[in-house]
């Protein structure tokens, strides 16, 4: 499980202590001081009439996202990246009409052989 939080040292220490109180927790690892890769995934169903699709595909291409489903009046777009990238893509797709949105939250791994 990946938990992303912001706080001072005292708050983070308290969170770690509370996690260790949970019976199933074996180990807590703080990634904040280690080089890491963190990503989030979003699936966005956008209203997309055939006349609007070229514009939407331009946005998708700009964000290096991909279309994973094409329906008669909609597209499902998959975008992977940091939170800011996903937020920006959602903002640009809002004018077309977002029908549904599913977002994973952040997941992360430490870089290299650590």
Protein backbone atom coordinates (compact mmCIF):
# COMPACT_ATOMS: atom_id res chain seq x y z
CA UNK A 1 0.00 0.00 0.00
CA UNK A 2 1.29 3.44 -0.84
CA UNK A 3 0.24 6.35 1.34
CA UNK A 4 1.14 9.86 0.23
CA UNK A 5 0.99 12.58 2.84
CA UNK A 6 2.42 15.97 3.68
CA UNK A 7 3.46 17.13 7.12
CA UNK A 8 6.27 18.18 9.39
CA UNK A 9 8.64 15.60 10.90
CA UNK A 10 6.51 15.20 14.02
CA UNK A 11 3.34 14.52 12.01
CA UNK A 12 5.09 12.01 9.74
CA UNK A 13 6.58 10.22 12.75
CA UNK A 14 3.10 9.99 14.30
CA UNK A 15 1.65 8.53 11.08
CA UNK A 16 4.42 5.91 11.01
CA UNK A 17 3.75 4.97 14.65
CA UNK A 18 0.03 4.62 13.96
CA UNK A 19 0.71 2.41 10.94
CA UNK A 20 2.87 0.07 13.03
CA UNK A 21 -0.07 -0.38 15.43
CA UNK A 22 -2.05 -2.05 12.65
CA UNK A 23 -1.62 -5.81 13.02
CA UNK A 24 -1.06 -6.60 9.31
CA UNK A 25 1.67 -3.94 8.85
CA UNK A 26 5.09 -5.59 8.60
CA UNK A 27 7.25 -2.67 7.51
CA UNK A 28 6.88 1.07 6.86
CA UNK A 29 9.29 2.64 4.34
CA UNK A 30 9.67 6.41 3.98
CA UNK A 31 10.51 7.23 0.34
CA UNK A 32 10.87 10.97 0.91
CA UNK A 33 14.67 10.93 1.13
CA UNK A 34 15.21 8.35 -1.65
CA UNK A 35 15.16 8.79 -5.43
CA UNK A 36 11.85 7.36 -6.58
CA UNK A 37 9.43 7.04 -9.45
CA UNK A 38 5.83 7.97 -8.62
CA UNK A 39 2.90 7.72 -11.03
CA UNK A 40 -0.86 7.90 -11.12
CA UNK A 41 -3.30 6.48 -13.68
CA UNK A 42 -6.61 7.95 -14.80
CA UNK A 43 -9.28 6.65 -17.17
CA UNK A 44 -11.45 9.44 -18.52
CA UNK A 45 -14.62 8.86 -20.55
CA UNK A 46 -15.18 11.94 -22.70
CA UNK A 47 -18.20 12.87 -24.78
CA UNK A 48 -16.81 12.83 -28.32
CA UNK A 49 -18.97 13.31 -31.36
CA UNK A 50 -17.12 12.47 -34.59
CA UNK A 51 -16.64 16.18 -35.41
CA UNK A 52 -14.89 16.83 -32.05
CA UNK A 53 -12.60 13.79 -32.12
CA UNK A 54 -9.64 15.38 -33.95
CA UNK A 55 -9.43 18.12 -31.30
CA UNK A 56 -9.65 15.60 -28.46
CA UNK A 57 -7.04 13.36 -30.10
CA UNK A 58 -4.75 16.40 -30.28
CA UNK A 59 -5.03 16.83 -26.50
CA UNK A 60 -4.45 13.11 -26.00
CA UNK A 61 -1.33 13.17 -28.18
CA UNK A 62 0.06 16.27 -26.44
CA UNK A 63 -0.11 14.51 -23.07
CA UNK A 64 1.27 11.24 -24.45
CA UNK A 65 -1.95 9.59 -23.32
CA UNK A 66 -3.85 6.95 -25.28
CA UNK A 67 -7.37 6.20 -26.38
CA UNK A 68 -8.32 2.77 -25.04
CA UNK A 69 -11.95 2.64 -26.20
CA UNK A 70 -13.98 4.29 -28.94
CA UNK A 71 -17.76 4.35 -28.73
CA UNK A 72 -20.41 5.96 -30.92
CA UNK A 73 -20.46 9.14 -28.84
CA UNK A 74 -17.51 8.82 -26.50
CA UNK A 75 -13.83 7.99 -26.05
CA UNK A 76 -12.05 6.52 -23.04
CA UNK A 77 -8.65 8.09 -22.55
CA UNK A 78 -5.89 6.58 -20.41
CA UNK A 79 -3.30 8.95 -18.97
CA UNK A 80 -0.35 8.05 -16.74
CA UNK A 81 1.87 10.57 -14.96
CA UNK A 82 2.18 12.78 -11.95
CA UNK A 83 -0.82 14.39 -10.31
CA UNK A 84 -0.27 17.76 -12.01
CA UNK A 85 -0.25 16.16 -15.47
CA UNK A 86 -3.51 14.31 -14.81
CA UNK A 87 -5.15 17.42 -13.33
CA UNK A 88 -4.13 19.44 -16.41
CA UNK A 89 -5.51 16.82 -18.79
CA UNK A 90 -8.81 16.70 -16.94
CA UNK A 91 -9.09 20.50 -17.15
CA UNK A 92 -8.49 20.44 -20.91
CA UNK A 93 -11.07 17.68 -21.45
CA UNK A 94 -13.80 19.29 -19.30
CA UNK A 95 -15.14 21.52 -22.12
CA UNK A 96 -15.89 18.41 -24.20
CA UNK A 97 -17.88 16.83 -21.37
CA UNK A 98 -16.39 14.28 -19.01
CA UNK A 99 -18.93 11.49 -18.53
CA UNK A 100 -16.94 9.33 -16.11
CA UNK A 101 -13.58 9.49 -14.38
CA UNK A 102 -11.59 6.86 -12.50
CA UNK A 103 -8.28 7.65 -10.83
CA UNK A 104 -5.85 5.33 -9.04
CA UNK A 105 -3.98 7.64 -6.74
CA UNK A 106 -0.20 7.64 -6.54
CA UNK A 107 1.94 4.52 -6.53
CA UNK A 108 5.73 4.59 -6.20
CA UNK A 109 8.96 2.57 -6.22
CA UNK A 110 12.50 3.50 -5.23
CA UNK A 111 14.82 3.96 -8.21
CA UNK A 112 17.77 1.68 -8.99
CA UNK A 113 19.15 -1.20 -6.93
CA UNK A 114 18.16 0.16 -3.54
